[in-house]
Amino acid sequence: MSLLMLPFRSRYLAVTLSVLLTVAFAALLAYWPRGRILTSISLVVFAGLSLLRFCDLFQRNHAILRNYPIAAHLRCFSEKICPEMRQYFFEGDKDGLPFNRDKRAIVYQRAKKTLDKRPFATQYEVFRDSFEWLSHSMAPKSTSREPLRTTIGRPDCKQPYNASVLNISGMSFGALSPNAIRALNGGAEKGNFAHTTGEGSVSRYHTEFNGDCVWQIG
């Protein structure tokens, strides 16, 4: 009894309907010559769906196509068009990553030399948690005379290091040219901050201008 009810289960219902409609349109084509064009088109469509079921049955690459014939193709089609649906219908102007629609629009506008400004405030949620921004001061303020530096090493450290809070992050020599490494290290020496070597170890270009170096290992 369970075997007889198998074609009427939800996952096989699309196959059952396709086969029944194929038989129905084949019979209709024989007994209703006036609607031959419409009937022929319908017969080809449902016969193709029935044939697709047997192709799904004998393929070995996708289990979902074997277990949910015909209907699983709708899922595959939905996954394929999902990026387009999200981009054009559901994604907001601030949601896309790594560049949202607003940032992409600015690139397009500047490339075409058209107006890229939007007056009347901002569309960002400036009062949400962890939102950061820089504001202009309404009056000049005196700058701090204390250098923005911190000491690395506990009191019992034999060689503590007085480091700047802003330094050059790790970019290996394998990713940059000798001139770029020289420029970074020379800037570190002039600005009195550190230059991290990156995973490419220390080259002679890192020490050419005697800027402080952080040797990155691993």
Protein backbone atom coordinates (compact mmCIF):
# COMPACT_ATOMS: atom_id res chain seq x y z
CA MET A 1 0.00 0.00 0.00
CA SER A 2 2.85 2.37 0.83
CA LEU A 3 4.38 1.68 -2.58
CA LEU A 4 1.13 2.65 -4.30
CA MET A 5 0.97 5.92 -2.35
CA LEU A 6 4.59 6.81 -3.23
CA PRO A 7 3.71 8.86 -6.36
CA PHE A 8 1.35 11.00 -4.24
CA ARG A 9 3.91 12.01 -1.64
CA SER A 10 4.77 15.70 -1.62
CA ARG A 11 8.29 15.25 -2.99
CA TYR A 12 7.06 13.15 -5.95
CA LEU A 13 3.89 15.14 -6.59
CA ALA A 14 5.51 17.28 -9.31
CA VAL A 15 6.55 14.10 -11.16
CA THR A 16 3.09 12.55 -10.85
CA LEU A 17 1.39 15.68 -12.16
CA SER A 18 3.85 15.93 -15.08
CA VAL A 19 3.22 12.32 -16.14
CA LEU A 20 -0.56 12.61 -15.80
CA LEU A 21 -0.66 15.88 -17.74
CA THR A 22 1.58 14.40 -20.43
CA VAL A 23 -0.88 11.54 -20.91
CA ALA A 24 -3.83 13.93 -20.78
CA PHE A 25 -2.43 16.31 -23.42
CA ALA A 26 -1.42 13.37 -25.64
CA ALA A 27 -5.01 12.10 -25.56
CA LEU A 28 -6.34 15.63 -26.09
CA LEU A 29 -4.09 16.08 -29.10
CA ALA A 30 -5.62 12.99 -30.70
CA TYR A 31 -9.27 13.97 -30.05
CA TRP A 32 -9.17 17.78 -30.33
CA PRO A 33 -7.56 18.83 -33.62
CA ARG A 34 -8.65 22.48 -33.30
CA GLY A 35 -6.36 23.16 -30.37
CA ARG A 36 -3.42 21.34 -31.89
CA ILE A 37 -0.88 24.18 -31.41
CA LEU A 38 -1.65 24.89 -27.74
CA THR A 39 -1.98 21.20 -26.93
CA SER A 40 1.30 20.37 -28.67
CA ILE A 41 3.17 23.05 -26.72
CA SER A 42 1.73 21.82 -23.42
CA LEU A 43 2.54 18.22 -24.34
CA VAL A 44 6.18 19.08 -25.10
CA VAL A 45 6.55 21.01 -21.80
CA PHE A 46 5.17 18.27 -19.55
CA ALA A 47 6.83 15.48 -21.48
CA GLY A 48 10.12 17.32 -21.02
CA LEU A 49 9.50 17.58 -17.27
CA SER A 50 8.73 13.85 -17.12
CA LEU A 51 11.94 13.09 -18.98
CA LEU A 52 13.82 15.36 -16.60
CA ARG A 53 12.65 13.15 -13.74
CA PHE A 54 14.34 10.10 -15.24
CA CYS A 55 17.52 12.10 -15.82
CA ASP A 56 17.46 13.11 -12.15
CA LEU A 57 16.93 9.50 -11.13
CA PHE A 58 19.99 8.14 -12.93
CA GLN A 59 22.45 10.94 -12.16
CA ARG A 60 24.84 10.40 -9.23
CA ASN A 61 26.13 13.90 -8.48
CA HIS A 62 23.27 15.50 -6.53
CA ALA A 63 21.27 13.61 -3.93
CA ILE A 64 18.67 16.35 -3.67
CA LEU A 65 17.76 15.94 -7.35
CA ARG A 66 17.25 12.21 -6.83
CA ASN A 67 15.11 12.68 -3.73
CA TYR A 68 13.15 15.71 -4.91
CA PRO A 69 12.89 15.38 -8.71
CA ILE A 70 11.85 18.42 -10.75
CA ALA A 71 11.08 20.45 -7.60
CA ALA A 72 14.77 20.51 -6.67
CA HIS A 73 15.53 22.34 -9.90
CA LEU A 74 13.45 25.24 -8.59
CA ARG A 75 15.73 25.35 -5.56
CA CYS A 76 18.84 25.36 -7.76
CA PHE A 77 17.35 28.11 -9.90
CA SER A 78 16.48 30.16 -6.81
CA GLU A 79 20.04 29.83 -5.49
CA LYS A 80 21.40 30.94 -8.86
CA ILE A 81 19.35 34.14 -9.02
CA CYS A 82 19.61 34.85 -5.28
CA PRO A 83 22.45 37.45 -5.61
CA GLU A 84 20.51 39.35 -8.26
CA MET A 85 17.27 39.24 -6.26
CA ARG A 86 19.08 40.46 -3.14
CA GLN A 87 20.87 43.24 -5.02
CA TYR A 88 17.88 44.64 -6.91
CA PHE A 89 14.94 43.97 -4.56
CA PHE A 90 15.99 43.34 -0.94
CA GLU A 91 19.43 44.88 -0.31
CA GLY A 92 19.49 48.37 1.17
CA ASP A 93 21.81 51.17 0.08
CA LYS A 94 24.01 50.59 3.15
CA ASP A 95 23.94 46.76 3.34
CA GLY A 96 26.29 45.42 0.65
CA LEU A 97 29.78 44.11 1.44
CA PRO A 98 32.60 44.89 1.00
CA PHE A 99 31.25 48.00 -0.76
CA ASN A 100 27.61 49.00 -0.38
CA ARG A 101 25.43 50.49 -3.10
CA ASP A 102 26.11 54.07 -1.99
CA LYS A 103 29.88 53.67 -2.24
CA ARG A 104 29.61 51.98 -5.64
CA ALA A 105 27.33 54.78 -6.84
CA ILE A 106 29.93 57.39 -5.86
CA VAL A 107 32.59 55.54 -7.90
CA TYR A 108 30.28 55.43 -10.94
CA GLN A 109 29.33 59.11 -10.58
CA ARG A 110 32.90 60.32 -10.27
CA ALA A 111 33.99 58.15 -13.20
CA LYS A 112 31.27 59.79 -15.31
CA LYS A 113 32.08 63.23 -13.86
CA THR A 114 28.52 63.73 -12.61
CA LEU A 115 27.31 65.17 -9.31
CA ASP A 116 28.24 62.83 -6.43
CA LYS A 117 26.94 64.88 -3.49
CA ARG A 118 23.76 64.25 -1.50
CA PRO A 119 22.62 67.28 0.53
CA PHE A 120 20.35 67.34 3.59
CA ALA A 121 22.19 65.25 6.18
CA THR A 122 23.15 61.57 6.09
CA GLN A 123 21.36 58.24 5.69
CA TYR A 124 23.56 56.45 8.23
CA GLU A 125 22.17 55.59 11.69
CA VAL A 126 24.53 57.81 13.61
CA PHE A 127 22.91 57.07 17.00
CA ARG A 128 23.19 53.28 16.87
CA ASP A 129 25.62 51.46 19.15
CA SER A 130 29.33 51.51 18.21
CA PHE A 131 28.84 54.02 15.37
CA GLU A 132 31.95 56.21 15.14
CA TRP A 133 32.59 59.49 13.37
CA LEU A 134 34.76 62.61 13.45
CA SER A 135 33.12 65.96 14.21
CA HIS A 136 34.42 69.45 13.53
CA SER A 137 35.16 71.51 16.61
CA MET A 138 33.21 74.77 16.88
CA ALA A 139 36.21 76.38 18.61
CA PRO A 140 39.94 75.66 18.42
CA LYS A 141 41.36 73.51 21.18
CA SER A 142 44.92 73.35 22.34
CA THR A 143 46.72 70.17 21.38
CA SER A 144 48.08 67.84 24.00
CA ARG A 145 51.77 68.32 24.68
CA GLU A 146 52.14 64.75 25.91
CA PRO A 147 53.42 62.41 23.20
CA LEU A 148 51.01 59.66 22.17
CA ARG A 149 53.26 56.79 23.18
CA THR A 150 53.10 53.73 25.38
CA THR A 151 55.74 51.58 27.06
CA ILE A 152 55.95 47.92 26.03
CA GLY A 153 57.36 45.71 28.75
CA ARG A 154 56.73 45.28 32.46
CA PRO A 155 58.96 47.00 35.05
CA ASP A 156 61.18 43.92 35.29
CA CYS A 157 61.76 43.91 31.51
CA LYS A 158 65.45 44.33 30.62
CA GLN A 159 64.77 46.20 27.35
CA PRO A 160 61.41 48.03 27.50
CA TYR A 161 60.34 49.85 24.36
CA ASN A 162 58.67 53.25 24.22
CA ALA A 163 56.34 52.80 21.23
CA SER A 164 54.10 55.16 19.35
CA VAL A 165 50.38 54.33 19.44
CA LEU A 166 50.31 54.54 15.62
CA ASN A 167 52.76 52.38 13.69
CA ILE A 168 53.16 50.66 10.30
CA SER A 169 51.44 47.29 10.17
CA GLY A 170 52.99 44.16 8.69
CA MET A 171 53.57 44.14 4.93
CA SER A 172 56.18 41.66 3.83
CA PHE A 173 58.97 42.31 1.35
CA GLY A 174 57.44 39.57 -0.78
CA ALA A 175 54.41 41.78 -1.35
CA LEU A 176 56.18 45.14 -1.76
CA SER A 177 59.08 46.47 -3.79
CA PRO A 178 62.45 47.54 -2.32
CA ASN A 179 61.57 51.20 -2.83
CA ALA A 180 58.30 50.75 -0.94
CA ILE A 181 60.10 49.12 1.99
CA ARG A 182 62.68 51.93 1.99
CA ALA A 183 59.92 54.55 1.99
CA LEU A 184 58.08 52.92 4.88
CA ASN A 185 61.18 52.50 6.98
CA GLY A 186 62.38 56.02 6.20
CA GLY A 187 59.00 57.38 7.26
CA ALA A 188 59.16 55.35 10.47
CA GLU A 189 62.56 56.85 11.24
CA LYS A 190 61.41 60.42 10.61
CA GLY A 191 58.13 59.99 12.50
CA ASN A 192 59.72 58.10 15.39
CA PHE A 193 57.43 55.09 15.17
CA ALA A 194 57.86 51.38 14.39
CA HIS A 195 57.76 49.48 11.11
CA THR A 196 56.53 45.87 11.20
CA THR A 197 58.33 43.60 8.73
CA GLY A 198 55.46 41.26 7.88
CA GLU A 199 55.81 37.53 7.28
CA GLY A 200 58.58 37.94 4.71
CA SER A 201 61.19 38.36 7.47
CA VAL A 202 63.78 41.15 7.64
CA SER A 203 65.46 42.32 4.45
CA ARG A 204 68.32 44.78 4.12
CA TYR A 205 65.77 47.37 2.93
CA HIS A 206 64.08 47.29 6.34
CA THR A 207 67.21 48.55 8.05
CA GLU A 208 68.53 50.93 5.42
CA PHE A 209 67.16 54.09 7.12
CA ASN A 210 67.52 52.83 10.73
CA GLY A 211 63.80 53.06 11.45
CA ASP A 212 62.56 50.95 14.36
CA CYS A 213 61.56 47.48 13.15
CA VAL A 214 59.20 44.88 14.62
CA TRP A 215 60.25 41.46 13.38
CA GLN A 216 57.12 39.48 12.66
CA ILE A 217 57.54 35.72 12.97
CA GLY A 218 54.89 33.34 11.62
